[in-house]
Amino acid sequence: MNRFLFLLLLTTNSIHAQDPEVEKLLEGELKMTYPSIYFVHNSTDYAEMGYNVDSCFKYIAGHIKYLNSIVIWRDSSETEQLTGARIKKLKLDINKYVPSRNVNIESMEDLQKISQRTINKATTDKQREYLLSFNSVLDVSGAIRHRKKWRRTHVEGRIFCMECWQRGVFFRKKVKKKEEGKK
């Protein structure tokens, strides 16, 4: 009986062993998103991405009036001076496509996208560099930043969102449907 349990325990661990957590992250959960611009760790050089950096600048230029925030993240091992140098480089490159506007890029200061604990779980240098590039990124989004608090603007409105009710999103939808019905 003891041999049977030992054999069962030995085979179940080998058959049902899990992949390392970092491998799961690299395969499915962590993917570079467009139009984010990633940097090489501790450098102002752009990291290798699945798309062209110029296409990101063109996207930003074309959608600048619809963007609520452009923020830059840095790894905790990088300095704020490096972030300042990255912002200068980004502004110069963006101004090639949007010369008339002064683009405001906010630094997220000490906040990180990926924790050092997750980065330290990397088994190879390539995995580590890949994870570090997620902390050194220019993010373009529709989120609004208010004193370290993030909130989303809901175009369609969400039933359980107090701001959507205060803005009258649902009332405007009803009036719009009535106006369309009269035509």
Protein backbone atom coordinates (compact mmCIF):
# COMPACT_ATOMS: atom_id res chain seq x y z
CA MET A 1 0.00 0.00 0.00
CA ASN A 2 2.83 2.41 0.88
CA ARG A 3 4.56 1.65 -2.42
CA PHE A 4 1.36 2.36 -4.28
CA LEU A 5 0.93 5.76 -2.59
CA PHE A 6 4.58 6.63 -3.18
CA LEU A 7 4.29 5.66 -6.87
CA LEU A 8 1.05 7.61 -7.20
CA LEU A 9 2.57 10.69 -5.56
CA LEU A 10 5.65 10.48 -7.76
CA THR A 11 3.70 10.18 -11.05
CA THR A 12 1.08 12.84 -10.26
CA ASN A 13 3.73 15.47 -9.52
CA SER A 14 5.58 14.77 -12.74
CA ILE A 15 2.45 14.64 -14.89
CA HIS A 16 0.69 17.65 -13.43
CA ALA A 17 3.67 19.91 -12.79
CA GLN A 18 2.99 23.57 -13.51
CA ASP A 19 4.98 25.85 -15.76
CA PRO A 20 6.88 28.64 -14.06
CA GLU A 21 4.77 31.73 -13.47
CA VAL A 22 7.00 33.90 -15.64
CA GLU A 23 6.53 31.57 -18.62
CA LYS A 24 2.75 31.97 -18.28
CA LEU A 25 3.13 35.74 -18.15
CA LEU A 26 5.32 35.84 -21.24
CA GLU A 27 3.04 33.56 -23.24
CA GLY A 28 -0.35 35.08 -22.63
CA GLU A 29 -0.80 37.82 -20.12
CA LEU A 30 2.03 40.25 -20.82
CA LYS A 31 1.96 41.49 -24.37
CA MET A 32 3.12 44.81 -25.67
CA THR A 33 0.14 46.99 -26.39
CA TYR A 34 -0.22 49.46 -29.21
CA PRO A 35 0.44 52.50 -29.09
CA SER A 36 2.72 52.13 -26.06
CA ILE A 37 6.41 52.90 -26.56
CA TYR A 38 8.84 50.71 -24.62
CA PHE A 39 12.41 51.59 -23.62
CA VAL A 40 15.50 49.49 -23.04
CA HIS A 41 16.17 49.26 -19.30
CA ASN A 42 18.39 52.11 -18.00
CA SER A 43 18.54 53.73 -21.44
CA THR A 44 16.74 56.28 -23.59
CA ASP A 45 16.81 53.88 -26.56
CA TYR A 46 13.55 52.38 -27.76
CA ALA A 47 13.11 48.65 -27.10
CA GLU A 48 12.38 46.19 -29.86
CA MET A 49 8.61 46.05 -30.39
CA GLY A 50 6.24 44.26 -32.73
CA TYR A 51 5.45 47.57 -34.41
CA ASN A 52 7.29 50.67 -35.54
CA VAL A 53 7.86 53.56 -33.10
CA ASP A 54 6.93 56.08 -35.80
CA SER A 55 3.51 54.45 -36.12
CA CYS A 56 2.95 55.19 -32.42
CA PHE A 57 3.85 58.85 -32.92
CA LYS A 58 1.51 59.05 -35.92
CA TYR A 59 -1.27 57.50 -33.82
CA ILE A 60 -0.68 59.98 -31.00
CA ALA A 61 -0.66 62.87 -33.50
CA GLY A 62 -3.89 61.71 -35.08
CA HIS A 63 -5.70 61.16 -31.79
CA ILE A 64 -4.14 63.87 -29.61
CA LYS A 65 -7.44 65.66 -28.97
CA TYR A 66 -9.09 62.42 -27.79
CA LEU A 67 -6.32 61.34 -25.43
CA ASN A 68 -6.87 62.07 -21.76
CA SER A 69 -3.43 61.13 -20.53
CA ILE A 70 0.04 60.30 -21.73
CA VAL A 71 2.14 58.92 -18.89
CA ILE A 72 5.61 57.46 -18.64
CA TRP A 73 6.50 54.67 -16.24
CA ARG A 74 9.94 53.75 -14.96
CA ASP A 75 11.45 50.86 -13.07
CA SER A 76 12.39 51.46 -9.43
CA SER A 77 16.04 50.84 -10.27
CA GLU A 78 16.02 53.73 -12.77
CA THR A 79 16.40 57.40 -11.86
CA GLU A 80 14.00 60.28 -12.33
CA GLN A 81 16.71 62.04 -14.40
CA LEU A 82 16.49 59.18 -16.90
CA THR A 83 12.74 59.68 -17.04
CA GLY A 84 13.33 63.38 -17.75
CA ALA A 85 15.71 62.50 -20.58
CA ARG A 86 13.16 60.06 -22.01
CA ILE A 87 10.43 62.70 -21.87
CA LYS A 88 12.66 65.19 -23.74
CA LYS A 89 13.40 62.58 -26.42
CA LEU A 90 9.72 61.68 -26.75
CA LYS A 91 8.64 65.32 -27.02
CA LEU A 92 11.20 65.94 -29.77
CA ASP A 93 9.99 62.89 -31.69
CA ILE A 94 6.29 63.69 -31.19
CA ASN A 95 6.82 67.31 -32.28
CA LYS A 96 7.88 66.01 -35.70
CA TYR A 97 4.25 64.95 -36.18
CA VAL A 98 2.43 67.49 -33.97
CA PRO A 99 4.49 70.71 -34.14
CA SER A 100 1.74 73.10 -33.05
CA ARG A 101 0.87 71.37 -29.77
CA ASN A 102 2.81 71.03 -26.57
CA VAL A 103 2.22 67.43 -25.52
CA ASN A 104 2.02 66.93 -21.76
CA ILE A 105 3.74 63.73 -20.64
CA GLU A 106 3.36 62.96 -16.94
CA SER A 107 5.83 60.87 -14.97
CA MET A 108 4.39 58.17 -12.74
CA GLU A 109 7.40 58.74 -10.44
CA ASP A 110 7.92 55.74 -8.11
CA LEU A 111 4.97 53.66 -9.31
CA GLN A 112 5.72 50.54 -11.35
CA LYS A 113 3.61 48.44 -13.67
CA ILE A 114 5.32 45.16 -12.74
CA SER A 115 6.68 44.44 -9.28
CA GLN A 116 10.32 43.61 -8.63
CA ARG A 117 9.17 40.30 -7.17
CA THR A 118 7.73 39.25 -10.54
CA ILE A 119 10.83 40.46 -12.38
CA ASN A 120 13.08 38.48 -10.04
CA LYS A 121 11.17 35.30 -10.91
CA ALA A 122 12.61 35.42 -14.43
CA THR A 123 14.82 32.43 -15.15
CA THR A 124 16.78 33.83 -18.11
CA ASP A 125 18.29 37.22 -18.93
CA LYS A 126 15.99 37.52 -21.95
CA GLN A 127 12.91 37.09 -19.74
CA ARG A 128 14.27 39.62 -17.26
CA GLU A 129 14.92 42.23 -19.98
CA TYR A 130 11.45 41.64 -21.40
CA LEU A 131 9.83 42.16 -18.01
CA LEU A 132 11.96 45.24 -17.28
CA SER A 133 10.83 46.81 -20.56
CA PHE A 134 7.24 46.73 -19.25
CA ASN A 135 8.25 49.07 -16.44
CA SER A 136 9.97 51.49 -18.83
CA VAL A 137 7.11 52.51 -21.08
CA LEU A 138 5.19 55.49 -22.43
CA ASP A 139 1.49 54.69 -22.01
CA VAL A 140 -1.20 56.37 -24.07
CA SER A 141 -4.69 55.82 -22.71
CA GLY A 142 -8.14 57.17 -22.03
CA ALA A 143 -7.64 57.18 -18.27
CA ILE A 144 -7.55 60.42 -16.32
CA ARG A 145 -5.02 60.80 -13.52
CA HIS A 146 -6.06 62.67 -10.39
CA ARG A 147 -3.59 62.63 -7.49
CA LYS A 148 -2.53 59.02 -7.92
CA LYS A 149 -6.14 57.98 -8.41
CA TRP A 150 -7.30 56.60 -11.73
CA ARG A 151 -10.79 56.72 -13.07
CA ARG A 152 -12.23 55.72 -16.38
CA THR A 153 -14.43 57.85 -18.58
CA HIS A 154 -17.36 55.74 -19.71
CA VAL A 155 -18.62 56.77 -23.12
CA GLU A 156 -21.58 54.40 -23.11
CA GLY A 157 -22.11 54.67 -19.36
CA ARG A 158 -22.12 51.98 -16.71
CA ILE A 159 -25.15 51.38 -14.53
CA PHE A 160 -23.20 51.09 -11.27
CA CYS A 161 -21.01 54.16 -11.90
CA MET A 162 -22.09 57.22 -9.88
CA GLU A 163 -20.27 59.61 -12.22
CA CYS A 164 -22.22 58.29 -15.22
CA TRP A 165 -25.48 59.02 -13.40
CA GLN A 166 -24.27 62.49 -12.36
CA ARG A 167 -23.27 63.31 -15.93
CA GLY A 168 -26.70 62.21 -17.14
CA VAL A 169 -25.43 59.64 -19.63
CA PHE A 170 -28.57 57.52 -19.46
CA PHE A 171 -30.90 60.53 -19.72
CA ARG A 172 -29.10 61.79 -22.83
CA LYS A 173 -29.41 58.34 -24.44
CA LYS A 174 -33.16 58.35 -23.86
CA VAL A 175 -33.58 61.87 -25.33
CA LYS A 176 -31.42 60.96 -28.32
CA LYS A 177 -33.52 57.85 -29.05
CA LYS A 178 -36.73 59.93 -28.88
CA GLU A 179 -35.27 62.50 -31.31
CA GLU A 180 -34.23 59.76 -33.74
CA GLY A 181 -37.72 58.24 -33.53
CA LYS A 182 -39.38 61.57 -34.50
CA LYS A 183 -37.33 61.87 -37.71
